[in-house]
Amino acid sequence: MSSYTAGQHALVALGALGAGFVNAVSGGGTLLSFPVLVAVGVGKVQANITNTVALCPGYVGGAVAQRTDLEGDRARVRRLAVVAAAGGLAGSILLLSTSEAVFAKVVPWLIFLACALLGLQGRIKKVLRVGQRADARPSRVGTPLALFAVSVYGGYFGAGVSIMLLAVLGIAFSDPLPKLNALKQVLAFVINIVAAAFFVTTGEVQWTLALVMAPASLFGGFLGGRVAGRLNPDVLRAVIITFGTILGLWYLLR
């Protein structure tokens, strides 16, 4: 029997629905679903673990939808995916070894980081000329190290990891933006599926909550995809950043 009420299950499903919708339109959905889990009484470490597992299916759609942009590029995808998988696993192990007290102190700063990434997303692309760099040359050491570091963050917390991935790929490669975005989707999927697979073995996943969140996030992603062209992503992003900043201050000062 679950220790959570039907109302609490409905609340986390609503949070996951919103997360899937926001991820499809602008990114940053974790900033909605994570605090809802904490609000219903899940510890912050367990909430992060449950959130990763529950939202993982949402990355499948993005990766599959853009797979045609990576045709003929399987060798590079495999090389980068190995690095992303290693980083995602390292981040998930690091999270599990972090005490609840320490993670509670780290969470506000992770939220602030995610908000900053969301707010600077357009500027990051512009400054790094993502998808426009004819002079980009991947470093044999620097690119894997940067990707590994980003993947560790993705396995540990994950909010804003897609922006980090796109920045690394934009610096390293000269491909057009659609291909870089497709590569980012695949790597984000790899990071999350590896982290989620590890978390499943830990016994820390709140399964009844995860099982209502997963389909809700998928449906939210579907809705977001349908209306993405009619919404102003900058406005939605501003709302999420404002909410995330307030949330981070709340966790920091309470």
C-alpha atoms as a PDB file:
ATOM      1  CA  MET A   1       0.000   0.000   0.000  1.00  0.00           C
ATOM      2  CA  SER A   2       1.162   3.493  -0.797  1.00  0.00           C
ATOM      3  CA  SER A   3       1.538   5.958   2.066  1.00  0.00           C
ATOM      4  CA  TYR A   4       0.463   8.780  -0.247  1.00  0.00           C
ATOM      5  CA  THR A   5      -3.159   9.815  -0.667  1.00  0.00           C
ATOM      6  CA  ALA A   6      -5.115   9.945  -3.910  1.00  0.00           C
ATOM      7  CA  GLY A   7      -4.963  13.730  -3.725  1.00  0.00           C
ATOM      8  CA  GLN A   8      -1.173  13.666  -3.443  1.00  0.00           C
ATOM      9  CA  HIS A   9      -0.960  11.336  -6.439  1.00  0.00           C
ATOM     10  CA  ALA A  10      -3.179  13.717  -8.404  1.00  0.00           C
ATOM     11  CA  LEU A  11      -0.982  16.651  -7.396  1.00  0.00           C
ATOM     12  CA  VAL A  12       2.277  15.049  -8.537  1.00  0.00           C
ATOM     13  CA  ALA A  13       0.599  13.940 -11.771  1.00  0.00           C
ATOM     14  CA  LEU A  14      -0.388  17.560 -12.361  1.00  0.00           C
ATOM     15  CA  GLY A  15       3.202  18.634 -11.683  1.00  0.00           C
ATOM     16  CA  ALA A  16       4.492  16.052 -14.162  1.00  0.00           C
ATOM     17  CA  LEU A  17       1.929  17.175 -16.733  1.00  0.00           C
ATOM     18  CA  GLY A  18       3.225  20.714 -16.366  1.00  0.00           C
ATOM     19  CA  ALA A  19       6.835  19.534 -16.544  1.00  0.00           C
ATOM     20  CA  GLY A  20       6.230  17.652 -19.779  1.00  0.00           C
ATOM     21  CA  PHE A  21       4.443  20.662 -21.262  1.00  0.00           C
ATOM     22  CA  VAL A  22       7.160  23.128 -20.254  1.00  0.00           C
ATOM     23  CA  ASN A  23       9.954  20.856 -21.456  1.00  0.00           C
ATOM     24  CA  ALA A  24       8.310  20.639 -24.874  1.00  0.00           C
ATOM     25  CA  VAL A  25       7.940  24.409 -25.176  1.00  0.00           C
ATOM     26  CA  SER A  26      10.921  25.993 -23.439  1.00  0.00           C
ATOM     27  CA  GLY A  27      12.698  23.592 -21.055  1.00  0.00           C
ATOM     28  CA  GLY A  28      12.948  23.705 -17.267  1.00  0.00           C
ATOM     29  CA  GLY A  29      10.108  21.321 -16.434  1.00  0.00           C
ATOM     30  CA  THR A  30      12.037  19.802 -13.528  1.00  0.00           C
ATOM     31  CA  LEU A  31      11.553  23.092 -11.691  1.00  0.00           C
ATOM     32  CA  LEU A  32       7.820  22.249 -11.598  1.00  0.00           C
ATOM     33  CA  SER A  33       7.756  18.527 -10.862  1.00  0.00           C
ATOM     34  CA  PHE A  34      10.565  18.368  -8.277  1.00  0.00           C
ATOM     35  CA  PRO A  35       9.048  20.830  -5.760  1.00  0.00           C
ATOM     36  CA  VAL A  36       5.644  19.158  -6.037  1.00  0.00           C
ATOM     37  CA  LEU A  37       7.214  15.879  -4.932  1.00  0.00           C
ATOM     38  CA  VAL A  38       8.874  17.647  -2.009  1.00  0.00           C
ATOM     39  CA  ALA A  39       5.579  19.347  -1.156  1.00  0.00           C
ATOM     40  CA  VAL A  40       3.757  16.017  -0.744  1.00  0.00           C
ATOM     41  CA  GLY A  41       6.390  14.826   1.720  1.00  0.00           C
ATOM     42  CA  VAL A  42       9.052  13.090  -0.367  1.00  0.00           C
ATOM     43  CA  GLY A  43      12.623  13.710   0.842  1.00  0.00           C
ATOM     44  CA  LYS A  44      14.673  15.867  -1.516  1.00  0.00           C
ATOM     45  CA  VAL A  45      17.055  13.081  -2.578  1.00  0.00           C
ATOM     46  CA  GLN A  46      14.187  10.637  -3.122  1.00  0.00           C
ATOM     47  CA  ALA A  47      12.205  13.360  -4.904  1.00  0.00           C
ATOM     48  CA  ASN A  48      15.075  13.937  -7.314  1.00  0.00           C
ATOM     49  CA  ILE A  49      15.469  10.202  -7.909  1.00  0.00           C
ATOM     50  CA  THR A  50      11.733   9.673  -8.428  1.00  0.00           C
ATOM     51  CA  ASN A  51      11.545  12.700 -10.692  1.00  0.00           C
ATOM     52  CA  THR A  52      14.378  11.402 -12.893  1.00  0.00           C
ATOM     53  CA  VAL A  53      12.740   8.000 -13.305  1.00  0.00           C
ATOM     54  CA  ALA A  54       9.248   9.423 -13.870  1.00  0.00           C
ATOM     55  CA  LEU A  55      10.241  11.996 -16.495  1.00  0.00           C
ATOM     56  CA  CYS A  56      12.684   9.726 -18.326  1.00  0.00           C
ATOM     57  CA  PRO A  57      10.102   8.451 -20.866  1.00  0.00           C
ATOM     58  CA  GLY A  58       9.601  12.014 -22.049  1.00  0.00           C
ATOM     59  CA  TYR A  59      13.109  12.052 -23.499  1.00  0.00           C
ATOM     60  CA  VAL A  60      12.283   9.086 -25.736  1.00  0.00           C
ATOM     61  CA  GLY A  61       9.886  11.110 -27.869  1.00  0.00           C
ATOM     62  CA  GLY A  62      12.398  13.880 -28.482  1.00  0.00           C
ATOM     63  CA  ALA A  63      15.179  11.479 -29.388  1.00  0.00           C
ATOM     64  CA  VAL A  64      12.995   9.414 -31.740  1.00  0.00           C
ATOM     65  CA  ALA A  65      11.421  12.467 -33.387  1.00  0.00           C
ATOM     66  CA  GLN A  66      14.802  13.833 -34.451  1.00  0.00           C
ATOM     67  CA  ARG A  67      16.628  10.598 -35.253  1.00  0.00           C
ATOM     68  CA  THR A  68      16.544  11.279 -39.010  1.00  0.00           C
ATOM     69  CA  ASP A  69      18.829  14.299 -38.489  1.00  0.00           C
ATOM     70  CA  LEU A  70      21.563  11.929 -37.315  1.00  0.00           C
ATOM     71  CA  GLU A  71      21.478   9.445 -40.177  1.00  0.00           C
ATOM     72  CA  GLY A  72      24.999   8.556 -41.294  1.00  0.00           C
ATOM     73  CA  ASP A  73      26.466   9.851 -38.033  1.00  0.00           C
ATOM     74  CA  ARG A  74      26.193   6.744 -35.883  1.00  0.00           C
ATOM     75  CA  ALA A  75      29.917   6.447 -35.112  1.00  0.00           C
ATOM     76  CA  ARG A  76      30.081   9.912 -33.535  1.00  0.00           C
ATOM     77  CA  VAL A  77      26.784   9.405 -31.723  1.00  0.00           C
ATOM     78  CA  ARG A  78      28.096   6.155 -30.207  1.00  0.00           C
ATOM     79  CA  ARG A  79      31.353   7.774 -29.049  1.00  0.00           C
ATOM     80  CA  LEU A  80      29.592  10.667 -27.404  1.00  0.00           C
ATOM     81  CA  ALA A  81      26.870   8.442 -25.960  1.00  0.00           C
ATOM     82  CA  VAL A  82      29.484   6.352 -24.114  1.00  0.00           C
ATOM     83  CA  VAL A  83      30.842   9.494 -22.453  1.00  0.00           C
ATOM     84  CA  ALA A  84      27.337  10.727 -21.632  1.00  0.00           C
ATOM     85  CA  ALA A  85      26.401   7.353 -20.136  1.00  0.00           C
ATOM     86  CA  ALA A  86      29.529   7.306 -17.947  1.00  0.00           C
ATOM     87  CA  GLY A  87      28.830  10.825 -16.717  1.00  0.00           C
ATOM     88  CA  GLY A  88      25.151  10.133 -16.080  1.00  0.00           C
ATOM     89  CA  LEU A  89      26.039   7.051 -14.031  1.00  0.00           C
ATOM     90  CA  ALA A  90      28.700   8.954 -12.065  1.00  0.00           C
ATOM     91  CA  GLY A  91      26.206  11.733 -11.305  1.00  0.00           C
ATOM     92  CA  SER A  92      23.542   9.293 -10.136  1.00  0.00           C
ATOM     93  CA  ILE A  93      26.040   7.510  -7.866  1.00  0.00           C
ATOM     94  CA  LEU A  94      27.143  10.880  -6.491  1.00  0.00           C
ATOM     95  CA  LEU A  95      23.525  11.788  -5.738  1.00  0.00           C
ATOM     96  CA  LEU A  96      22.911   8.545  -3.887  1.00  0.00           C
ATOM     97  CA  SER A  97      26.038   9.099  -1.792  1.00  0.00           C
ATOM     98  CA  THR A  98      24.873  12.617  -0.850  1.00  0.00           C
ATOM     99  CA  SER A  99      23.092  12.853   2.481  1.00  0.00           C
ATOM    100  CA  GLU A 100      19.654  14.444   2.705  1.00  0.00           C
ATOM    101  CA  ALA A 101      21.078  17.313   4.772  1.00  0.00           C
ATOM    102  CA  VAL A 102      23.844  18.094   2.281  1.00  0.00           C
ATOM    103  CA  PHE A 103      21.544  17.801  -0.721  1.00  0.00           C
ATOM    104  CA  ALA A 104      19.031  20.123   0.945  1.00  0.00           C
ATOM    105  CA  LYS A 105      21.772  22.759   1.153  1.00  0.00           C
ATOM    106  CA  VAL A 106      22.837  22.201  -2.468  1.00  0.00           C
ATOM    107  CA  VAL A 107      19.340  22.224  -4.002  1.00  0.00           C
ATOM    108  CA  PRO A 108      18.749  26.016  -3.898  1.00  0.00           C
ATOM    109  CA  TRP A 109      21.996  26.640  -5.783  1.00  0.00           C
ATOM    110  CA  LEU A 110      21.179  23.963  -8.339  1.00  0.00           C
ATOM    111  CA  ILE A 111      17.803  25.640  -8.872  1.00  0.00           C
ATOM    112  CA  PHE A 112      19.461  29.057  -9.240  1.00  0.00           C
ATOM    113  CA  LEU A 113      21.880  27.548 -11.769  1.00  0.00           C
ATOM    114  CA  ALA A 114      18.998  26.077 -13.766  1.00  0.00           C
ATOM    115  CA  CYS A 115      17.183  29.427 -13.708  1.00  0.00           C
ATOM    116  CA  ALA A 116      20.320  31.232 -14.894  1.00  0.00           C
ATOM    117  CA  LEU A 117      20.770  28.754 -17.734  1.00  0.00           C
ATOM    118  CA  LEU A 118      17.159  29.192 -18.807  1.00  0.00           C
ATOM    119  CA  GLY A 119      17.441  32.953 -18.647  1.00  0.00           C
ATOM    120  CA  LEU A 120      20.694  33.064 -20.606  1.00  0.00           C
ATOM    121  CA  GLN A 121      19.742  30.337 -23.087  1.00  0.00           C
ATOM    122  CA  GLY A 122      19.401  32.661 -26.068  1.00  0.00           C
ATOM    123  CA  ARG A 123      22.518  34.617 -25.188  1.00  0.00           C
ATOM    124  CA  ILE A 124      24.549  31.428 -24.737  1.00  0.00           C
ATOM    125  CA  LYS A 125      23.557  30.289 -28.230  1.00  0.00           C
ATOM    126  CA  LYS A 126      24.371  33.701 -29.657  1.00  0.00           C
ATOM    127  CA  VAL A 127      27.745  34.124 -27.948  1.00  0.00           C
ATOM    128  CA  LEU A 128      28.850  30.589 -28.762  1.00  0.00           C
ATOM    129  CA  ARG A 129      27.326  30.851 -32.258  1.00  0.00           C
ATOM    130  CA  VAL A 130      25.665  27.482 -31.794  1.00  0.00           C
ATOM    131  CA  GLY A 131      24.954  25.973 -35.192  1.00  0.00           C
ATOM    132  CA  GLN A 132      26.908  28.732 -36.964  1.00  0.00           C
ATOM    133  CA  ARG A 133      30.533  27.947 -36.178  1.00  0.00           C
ATOM    134  CA  ALA A 134      32.349  26.950 -39.345  1.00  0.00           C
ATOM    135  CA  ASP A 135      35.592  27.066 -37.364  1.00  0.00           C
ATOM    136  CA  ALA A 136      34.544  24.574 -34.671  1.00  0.00           C
ATOM    137  CA  ARG A 137      36.972  21.708 -34.140  1.00  0.00           C
ATOM    138  CA  PRO A 138      36.373  19.054 -31.467  1.00  0.00           C
ATOM    139  CA  SER A 139      39.179  18.651 -28.947  1.00  0.00           C
ATOM    140  CA  ARG A 140      40.206  15.044 -28.355  1.00  0.00           C
ATOM    141  CA  VAL A 141      40.453  15.725 -24.628  1.00  0.00           C
ATOM    142  CA  GLY A 142      38.465  18.892 -23.979  1.00  0.00           C
ATOM    143  CA  THR A 143      35.229  17.812 -25.660  1.00  0.00           C
ATOM    144  CA  PRO A 144      34.901  14.455 -23.827  1.00  0.00           C
ATOM    145  CA  LEU A 145      35.823  16.094 -20.503  1.00  0.00           C
ATOM    146  CA  ALA A 146      33.270  18.879 -20.949  1.00  0.00           C
ATOM    147  CA  LEU A 147      30.598  16.398 -22.011  1.00  0.00           C
ATOM    148  CA  PHE A 148      31.415  14.149 -19.053  1.00  0.00           C
ATOM    149  CA  ALA A 149      31.140  17.072 -16.603  1.00  0.00           C
ATOM    150  CA  VAL A 150      27.764  18.129 -18.025  1.00  0.00           C
ATOM    151  CA  SER A 151      26.567  14.518 -17.923  1.00  0.00           C
ATOM    152  CA  VAL A 152      27.556  14.213 -14.254  1.00  0.00           C
ATOM    153  CA  TYR A 153      25.377  17.246 -13.535  1.00  0.00           C
ATOM    154  CA  GLY A 154      22.596  15.653 -15.597  1.00  0.00           C
ATOM    155  CA  GLY A 155      22.713  12.457 -13.557  1.00  0.00           C
ATOM    156  CA  TYR A 156      22.898  14.399 -10.288  1.00  0.00           C
ATOM    157  CA  PHE A 157      20.112  16.959 -10.790  1.00  0.00           C
ATOM    158  CA  GLY A 158      19.503  17.608 -14.457  1.00  0.00           C
ATOM    159  CA  ALA A 159      17.512  20.851 -14.696  1.00  0.00           C
ATOM    160  CA  GLY A 160      18.991  22.847 -17.578  1.00  0.00           C
ATOM    161  CA  VAL A 161      21.228  20.020 -18.770  1.00  0.00           C
ATOM    162  CA  SER A 162      19.931  20.323 -22.351  1.00  0.00           C
ATOM    163  CA  ILE A 163      21.197  23.909 -22.501  1.00  0.00           C
ATOM    164  CA  MET A 164      24.608  22.818 -21.203  1.00  0.00           C
ATOM    165  CA  LEU A 165      24.772  20.018 -23.757  1.00  0.00           C
ATOM    166  CA  LEU A 166      23.901  22.343 -26.617  1.00  0.00           C
ATOM    167  CA  ALA A 167      26.589  24.794 -25.498  1.00  0.00           C
ATOM    168  CA  VAL A 168      29.271  22.068 -25.412  1.00  0.00           C
ATOM    169  CA  LEU A 169      28.218  20.679 -28.789  1.00  0.00           C
ATOM    170  CA  GLY A 170      28.078  24.169 -30.298  1.00  0.00           C
ATOM    171  CA  ILE A 171      31.660  24.848 -29.249  1.00  0.00           C
ATOM    172  CA  ALA A 172      32.952  21.464 -30.355  1.00  0.00           C
ATOM    173  CA  PHE A 173      31.221  20.917 -33.696  1.00  0.00           C
ATOM    174  CA  SER A 174      30.361  22.932 -36.788  1.00  0.00           C
ATOM    175  CA  ASP A 175      27.105  21.117 -37.616  1.00  0.00           C
ATOM    176  CA  PRO A 176      23.926  23.128 -38.280  1.00  0.00           C
ATOM    177  CA  LEU A 177      21.586  23.722 -35.351  1.00  0.00           C
ATOM    178  CA  PRO A 178      19.008  21.008 -36.263  1.00  0.00           C
ATOM    179  CA  LYS A 179      21.705  18.324 -36.139  1.00  0.00           C
ATOM    180  CA  LEU A 180      23.203  19.699 -32.922  1.00  0.00           C
ATOM    181  CA  ASN A 181      19.740  19.760 -31.371  1.00  0.00           C
ATOM    182  CA  ALA A 182      19.099  16.160 -32.427  1.00  0.00           C
ATOM    183  CA  LEU A 183      22.456  15.121 -30.963  1.00  0.00           C
ATOM    184  CA  LYS A 184      21.610  16.967 -27.759  1.00  0.00           C
ATOM    185  CA  GLN A 185      18.301  15.088 -27.504  1.00  0.00           C
ATOM    186  CA  VAL A 186      20.000  11.721 -27.880  1.00  0.00           C
ATOM    187  CA  LEU A 187      22.669  12.536 -25.291  1.00  0.00           C
ATOM    188  CA  ALA A 188      20.089  13.901 -22.832  1.00  0.00           C
ATOM    189  CA  PHE A 189      18.129  10.664 -23.272  1.00  0.00           C
ATOM    190  CA  VAL A 190      21.254   8.569 -22.645  1.00  0.00           C
ATOM    191  CA  ILE A 191      22.148  10.513 -19.482  1.00  0.00           C
ATOM    192  CA  ASN A 192      18.649  10.179 -18.077  1.00  0.00           C
ATOM    193  CA  ILE A 193      18.044   6.554 -19.025  1.00  0.00           C
ATOM    194  CA  VAL A 194      21.348   5.468 -17.446  1.00  0.00           C
ATOM    195  CA  ALA A 195      20.665   7.476 -14.285  1.00  0.00           C
ATOM    196  CA  ALA A 196      17.101   6.181 -14.118  1.00  0.00           C
ATOM    197  CA  ALA A 197      18.233   2.567 -14.635  1.00  0.00           C
ATOM    198  CA  PHE A 198      20.651   2.928 -11.729  1.00  0.00           C
ATOM    199  CA  PHE A 199      18.046   4.573  -9.504  1.00  0.00           C
ATOM    200  CA  VAL A 200      15.597   1.738 -10.182  1.00  0.00           C
ATOM    201  CA  THR A 201      18.021  -0.660  -8.469  1.00  0.00           C
ATOM    202  CA  THR A 202      18.408   1.455  -5.332  1.00  0.00           C
ATOM    203  CA  GLY A 203      14.982   1.033  -3.764  1.00  0.00           C
ATOM    204  CA  GLU A 204      14.681   4.825  -3.429  1.00  0.00           C
ATOM    205  CA  VAL A 205      12.070   5.377  -6.152  1.00  0.00           C
ATOM    206  CA  GLN A 206       8.596   6.219  -4.877  1.00  0.00           C
ATOM    207  CA  TRP A 207       6.930   3.941  -7.392  1.00  0.00           C
ATOM    208  CA  THR A 208       3.270   4.812  -6.982  1.00  0.00           C
ATOM    209  CA  LEU A 209       4.120   8.464  -7.571  1.00  0.00           C
ATOM    210  CA  ALA A 210       6.452   7.695 -10.480  1.00  0.00           C
ATOM    211  CA  LEU A 211       3.828   5.545 -12.176  1.00  0.00           C
ATOM    212  CA  VAL A 212       1.276   8.354 -12.278  1.00  0.00           C
ATOM    213  CA  MET A 213       3.895  10.947 -13.230  1.00  0.00           C
ATOM    214  CA  ALA A 214       5.301   9.091 -16.248  1.00  0.00           C
ATOM    215  CA  PRO A 215       2.149   9.052 -18.413  1.00  0.00           C
ATOM    216  CA  ALA A 216       1.241  12.555 -17.234  1.00  0.00           C
ATOM    217  CA  SER A 217       4.616  13.912 -18.378  1.00  0.00           C
ATOM    218  CA  LEU A 218       4.254  12.156 -21.731  1.00  0.00           C
ATOM    219  CA  PHE A 219       0.808  13.665 -22.229  1.00  0.00           C
ATOM    220  CA  GLY A 220       2.108  17.070 -21.154  1.00  0.00           C
ATOM    221  CA  GLY A 221       4.896  16.779 -23.711  1.00  0.00           C
ATOM    222  CA  PHE A 222       2.346  15.903 -26.379  1.00  0.00           C
ATOM    223  CA  LEU A 223       0.211  18.935 -25.491  1.00  0.00           C
ATOM    224  CA  GLY A 224       3.261  21.186 -25.403  1.00  0.00           C
ATOM    225  CA  GLY A 225       4.384  19.958 -28.794  1.00  0.00           C
ATOM    226  CA  ARG A 226       0.967  20.670 -30.263  1.00  0.00           C
ATOM    227  CA  VAL A 227       0.830  24.277 -29.045  1.00  0.00           C
ATOM    228  CA  ALA A 228       4.533  25.162 -29.018  1.00  0.00           C
ATOM    229  CA  GLY A 229       4.263  27.173 -32.227  1.00  0.00           C
ATOM    230  CA  ARG A 230       1.431  29.272 -30.819  1.00  0.00           C
ATOM    231  CA  LEU A 231       3.025  30.142 -27.474  1.00  0.00           C
ATOM    232  CA  ASN A 232       5.752  32.652 -26.738  1.00  0.00           C
ATOM    233  CA  PRO A 233       8.516  30.508 -25.205  1.00  0.00           C
ATOM    234  CA  ASP A 234      10.210  33.611 -23.791  1.00  0.00           C
ATOM    235  CA  VAL A 235       7.137  34.468 -21.731  1.00  0.00           C
ATOM    236  CA  LEU A 236       6.779  30.909 -20.445  1.00  0.00           C
ATOM    237  CA  ARG A 237      10.499  30.807 -19.702  1.00  0.00           C
ATOM    238  CA  ALA A 238      10.218  34.051 -17.722  1.00  0.00           C
ATOM    239  CA  VAL A 239       7.384  32.570 -15.652  1.00  0.00           C
ATOM    240  CA  ILE A 240       9.400  29.422 -14.907  1.00  0.00           C
ATOM    241  CA  ILE A 241      12.500  31.456 -14.004  1.00  0.00           C
ATOM    242  CA  THR A 242      10.466  33.638 -11.644  1.00  0.00           C
ATOM    243  CA  PHE A 243       8.889  30.596 -10.022  1.00  0.00           C
ATOM    244  CA  GLY A 244      12.257  28.818  -9.788  1.00  0.00           C
ATOM    245  CA  THR A 245      13.954  31.840  -8.213  1.00  0.00           C
ATOM    246  CA  ILE A 246      11.226  32.141  -5.576  1.00  0.00           C
ATOM    247  CA  LEU A 247      11.448  28.405  -4.959  1.00  0.00           C
ATOM    248  CA  GLY A 248      15.244  28.548  -4.599  1.00  0.00           C
ATOM    249  CA  LEU A 249      14.980  31.417  -2.113  1.00  0.00           C
ATOM    250  CA  TRP A 250      12.350  29.487  -0.167  1.00  0.00           C
ATOM    251  CA  TYR A 251      14.576  26.409   0.120  1.00  0.00           C
ATOM    252  CA  LEU A 252      17.583  28.602   0.973  1.00  0.00           C
ATOM    253  CA  LEU A 253      15.946  30.669   3.708  1.00  0.00           C
ATOM    254  CA  ARG A 254      13.583  28.192   5.378  1.00  0.00           C
END
